[in-house]
Amino acid sequence: MPATKHRPRRRDRAVSRPPGPFRLWREVLTAYAAPALMAGTAGIVTGQRDLALAACTSIAGTSAVVAFLVGRWLRRGGRPRRWTLTAPRGVLTAVLVLGTVGAAALLGWFAAQWLPAHTPIPGATPWLERLRVDLPVSAALATTIVTLRWRGTTTVSPARHQGMSTR
């Protein structure tokens, strides 16, 4: 009987392969493209032109900016903060999501109030009202995904972070 080689199935290879390095440019590109495609498709299918337009502007743009800011903050020049490595993944994600959602909600509310009062933009435009929802939702999704992906690529060993500062 001939000897057969054991060829791991695709599923087996995916499980045993360690995650690749965290690349910020990839995260930002994905953070823009994914919501733009999903919300844009939903806007086209349902006939909501304002959703299709917002998909490529406020929704995807916010996601990309938040992914960039959160990713840069997590990496901090290649030396992450000690607590971001030692905190449970869910706690780290929740803290960052609460912070970015709060900031995005304030920005959306401020823009919806300030722009009509100080610029020639009329206050009753649908896209301006969408900012109050689009910004926090996009920030929550982008922060969650980037944080979980970043933590999935980091390894914590006691010897590695003992000498790290607690900034």
Protein backbone atom coordinates (compact mmCIF):
# COMPACT_ATOMS: atom_id res chain seq x y z
CA MET A 1 0.00 0.00 0.00
CA PRO A 2 1.54 3.35 -0.99
CA ALA A 3 2.29 5.84 1.72
CA THR A 4 0.09 8.88 1.59
CA LYS A 5 1.16 12.29 2.65
CA HIS A 6 -0.98 14.03 5.15
CA ARG A 7 -2.04 17.27 3.53
CA PRO A 8 -3.56 19.64 6.04
CA ARG A 9 -6.89 20.99 5.02
CA ARG A 10 -7.25 24.72 4.46
CA ARG A 11 -9.12 25.04 7.75
CA ASP A 12 -6.25 23.37 9.64
CA ARG A 13 -3.65 25.68 8.10
CA ALA A 14 -5.66 28.78 8.96
CA VAL A 15 -5.95 27.77 12.59
CA SER A 16 -2.27 26.97 13.05
CA ARG A 17 -0.93 30.04 11.25
CA PRO A 18 0.02 32.87 13.60
CA PRO A 19 -1.49 36.26 12.80
CA GLY A 20 0.53 38.53 10.58
CA PRO A 21 1.98 41.77 11.79
CA PHE A 22 -0.30 44.72 12.45
CA ARG A 23 -0.12 47.01 9.43
CA LEU A 24 -1.85 50.32 10.02
CA TRP A 25 -2.27 51.18 6.34
CA ARG A 26 -4.15 47.91 5.81
CA GLU A 27 -6.44 48.61 8.74
CA VAL A 28 -7.22 52.12 7.50
CA LEU A 29 -7.89 50.89 3.97
CA THR A 30 -10.18 48.14 5.26
CA ALA A 31 -11.89 50.57 7.63
CA TYR A 32 -12.74 52.78 4.65
CA ALA A 33 -13.61 50.12 2.08
CA ALA A 34 -15.79 47.80 4.18
CA PRO A 35 -18.39 50.32 5.36
CA ALA A 36 -18.32 52.15 2.03
CA LEU A 37 -19.19 48.94 0.20
CA MET A 38 -21.76 47.69 2.70
CA ALA A 39 -23.60 50.95 3.36
CA GLY A 40 -23.27 52.00 -0.29
CA THR A 41 -24.80 48.73 -1.45
CA ALA A 42 -27.61 49.08 1.09
CA GLY A 43 -28.26 52.63 -0.08
CA ILE A 44 -28.42 51.60 -3.73
CA VAL A 45 -30.58 48.51 -3.09
CA THR A 46 -33.07 50.41 -0.94
CA GLY A 47 -33.04 53.50 -3.14
CA GLN A 48 -31.69 55.81 -0.42
CA ARG A 49 -29.42 58.21 -2.28
CA ASP A 50 -28.37 59.98 0.93
CA LEU A 51 -27.20 56.67 2.44
CA ALA A 52 -25.25 55.80 -0.71
CA LEU A 53 -23.52 59.20 -0.59
CA ALA A 54 -22.92 59.05 3.17
CA ALA A 55 -21.40 55.59 2.74
CA CYS A 56 -18.40 57.04 0.94
CA THR A 57 -18.16 60.26 2.96
CA SER A 58 -19.21 60.44 6.60
CA ILE A 59 -19.51 56.71 7.29
CA ALA A 60 -16.37 55.39 5.58
CA GLY A 61 -14.39 58.57 6.21
CA THR A 62 -15.07 58.44 9.94
CA SER A 63 -14.17 54.76 10.04
CA ALA A 64 -10.84 55.39 8.30
CA VAL A 65 -9.92 58.36 10.50
CA VAL A 66 -10.84 56.52 13.70
CA ALA A 67 -8.95 53.40 12.59
CA PHE A 68 -5.88 55.52 11.91
CA LEU A 69 -6.06 57.38 15.23
CA VAL A 70 -6.76 54.30 17.34
CA GLY A 71 -4.14 52.24 15.52
CA ARG A 72 -1.50 54.95 15.98
CA TRP A 73 -2.42 55.33 19.62
CA LEU A 74 -2.23 51.59 20.25
CA ARG A 75 1.12 51.23 18.51
CA ARG A 76 2.61 54.42 19.99
CA GLY A 77 5.77 54.27 17.92
CA GLY A 78 6.11 50.50 18.19
CA ARG A 79 6.09 50.50 22.01
CA PRO A 80 2.56 49.88 23.27
CA ARG A 81 1.48 51.02 26.69
CA ARG A 82 1.76 48.33 29.33
CA TRP A 83 -1.91 48.39 30.31
CA THR A 84 -3.02 47.88 26.70
CA LEU A 85 -1.09 44.63 26.65
CA THR A 86 -2.12 43.36 30.07
CA ALA A 87 -5.77 44.44 30.23
CA PRO A 88 -8.31 41.81 29.15
CA ARG A 89 -9.19 42.18 25.48
CA GLY A 90 -12.83 42.99 26.21
CA VAL A 91 -11.97 45.66 28.78
CA LEU A 92 -9.46 47.33 26.46
CA THR A 93 -11.97 47.31 23.62
CA ALA A 94 -14.79 48.66 25.79
CA VAL A 95 -12.66 51.52 27.15
CA LEU A 96 -11.50 52.58 23.69
CA VAL A 97 -14.98 52.23 22.16
CA LEU A 98 -16.54 54.37 24.89
CA GLY A 99 -13.91 57.05 24.35
CA THR A 100 -14.17 57.18 20.56
CA VAL A 101 -17.97 56.95 20.51
CA GLY A 102 -18.22 59.77 23.01
CA ALA A 103 -15.86 61.97 21.00
CA ALA A 104 -17.59 61.13 17.71
CA ALA A 105 -21.05 61.79 19.17
CA LEU A 106 -19.92 65.18 20.45
CA LEU A 107 -18.37 65.99 17.08
CA GLY A 108 -21.54 64.95 15.23
CA TRP A 109 -23.77 66.96 17.53
CA PHE A 110 -21.46 69.97 17.35
CA ALA A 111 -21.26 69.83 13.54
CA ALA A 112 -25.04 69.51 13.19
CA GLN A 113 -25.53 72.57 15.42
CA TRP A 114 -22.55 74.75 14.52
CA LEU A 115 -22.38 74.42 10.73
CA PRO A 116 -25.89 75.78 10.00
CA ALA A 117 -25.42 78.63 12.47
CA HIS A 118 -22.02 79.75 11.15
CA THR A 119 -21.98 78.79 7.47
CA PRO A 120 -24.38 79.08 4.55
CA ILE A 121 -25.28 75.38 4.91
CA PRO A 122 -29.02 75.05 5.63
CA GLY A 123 -29.84 73.28 8.89
CA ALA A 124 -32.49 70.98 7.45
CA THR A 125 -30.16 68.97 5.18
CA PRO A 126 -30.43 65.21 5.72
CA TRP A 127 -26.67 64.59 5.60
CA LEU A 128 -26.09 67.05 8.42
CA GLU A 129 -28.60 65.26 10.63
CA ARG A 130 -27.03 61.91 9.67
CA LEU A 131 -23.75 62.99 11.30
CA ARG A 132 -25.26 62.51 14.75
CA VAL A 133 -25.69 58.80 14.00
CA ASP A 134 -23.05 58.07 11.35
CA LEU A 135 -20.08 59.33 13.32
CA PRO A 136 -20.59 57.39 16.59
CA VAL A 137 -21.64 54.16 14.85
CA SER A 138 -18.65 54.29 12.49
CA ALA A 139 -16.33 55.10 15.38
CA ALA A 140 -17.63 52.15 17.42
CA LEU A 141 -17.18 49.66 14.60
CA ALA A 142 -13.74 50.90 13.55
CA THR A 143 -12.45 51.02 17.12
CA THR A 144 -13.71 47.54 17.92
CA ILE A 145 -12.23 45.96 14.81
CA VAL A 146 -8.85 47.72 15.01
CA THR A 147 -8.46 47.04 18.73
CA LEU A 148 -9.32 43.36 18.43
CA ARG A 149 -7.08 42.91 15.40
CA TRP A 150 -4.21 44.73 17.12
CA ARG A 151 -4.53 42.62 20.26
CA GLY A 152 -4.64 39.50 18.09
CA THR A 153 -1.22 40.34 16.68
CA THR A 154 0.46 41.19 19.98
CA THR A 155 1.97 38.63 22.25
CA VAL A 156 2.37 39.24 25.93
CA SER A 157 5.16 37.58 27.83
CA PRO A 158 6.00 38.52 31.41
CA ALA A 159 9.68 39.01 30.59
CA ARG A 160 8.85 41.31 27.68
CA HIS A 161 6.76 43.89 29.50
CA GLN A 162 8.42 43.90 32.94
CA GLY A 163 10.82 46.63 31.91
CA MET A 164 8.22 48.73 30.10
CA SER A 165 7.22 52.05 31.56
CA THR A 166 3.65 52.57 32.74
CA ARG A 167 2.92 55.73 30.80
